[in-house]
Protein backbone atom coordinates (compact mmCIF):
# COMPACT_ATOMS: atom_id res chain seq x y z
CA MET A 1 -9.56 -18.05 4.45
CA ALA A 2 -9.08 -15.59 7.32
CA GLU A 3 -7.07 -12.41 6.85
CA GLN A 4 -3.61 -12.37 8.37
CA PRO A 5 -3.11 -9.84 11.17
CA ILE A 6 -1.01 -6.89 10.07
CA GLU A 7 2.16 -5.72 11.78
CA LYS A 8 1.99 -2.58 13.94
CA GLY A 9 2.52 0.49 11.79
CA THR A 10 1.39 -1.25 8.60
CA VAL A 11 -1.37 0.42 6.63
CA ARG A 12 -3.77 -0.81 3.96
CA PHE A 13 -5.44 1.63 1.61
CA LYS A 14 -7.11 1.78 -1.79
CA CYS A 15 -5.03 3.15 -4.65
CA PRO A 16 -5.55 6.93 -4.53
CA ASN A 17 -5.83 7.04 -8.32
CA CYS A 18 -8.20 4.22 -9.30
CA MET A 19 -9.60 3.06 -5.92
CA LYS A 20 -9.66 -0.51 -7.33
CA TYR A 21 -6.63 -2.13 -5.69
CA GLU A 22 -5.77 -2.37 -1.99
CA LEU A 23 -2.15 -1.53 -1.30
CA THR A 24 -0.27 -2.53 1.87
CA ARG A 25 2.70 -0.58 3.24
CA THR A 26 4.80 -1.60 6.23
CA ALA A 27 6.06 0.89 8.79
CA HIS A 28 9.58 0.49 7.36
CA GLU A 29 8.43 1.12 3.77
CA ARG A 30 6.62 4.24 4.94
CA LYS A 31 9.61 5.47 6.95
CA ILE A 32 12.03 5.19 4.02
CA ALA A 33 9.39 6.46 1.55
CA ALA A 34 9.73 3.35 -0.62
CA LYS A 35 7.98 3.63 -3.98
CA TYR A 36 4.93 1.51 -4.74
CA THR A 37 3.05 0.88 -7.98
CA CYS A 38 -0.61 -0.03 -8.31
CA PRO A 39 -0.89 -3.15 -10.48
CA ALA A 40 -4.38 -2.11 -11.60
CA CYS A 41 -3.62 1.35 -13.03
CA GLY A 42 0.15 1.88 -12.80
CA PHE A 43 -0.05 4.78 -10.33
CA THR A 44 3.27 5.22 -8.50
CA GLY A 45 3.64 6.79 -5.07
CA PRO A 46 4.54 8.30 -2.75
CA ASN A 47 4.82 11.79 -4.29
């Protein structure tokens, strides 16, 4: 199955703690600094 194109301003990155899970953040989530949690290790960001 082909990957879906991502919306402008959306980023994908590996969890900065475990590097095992790829997280996706939309431009809106980044702008409002919405929290995210890695399902692999429980790391919560941003900050």
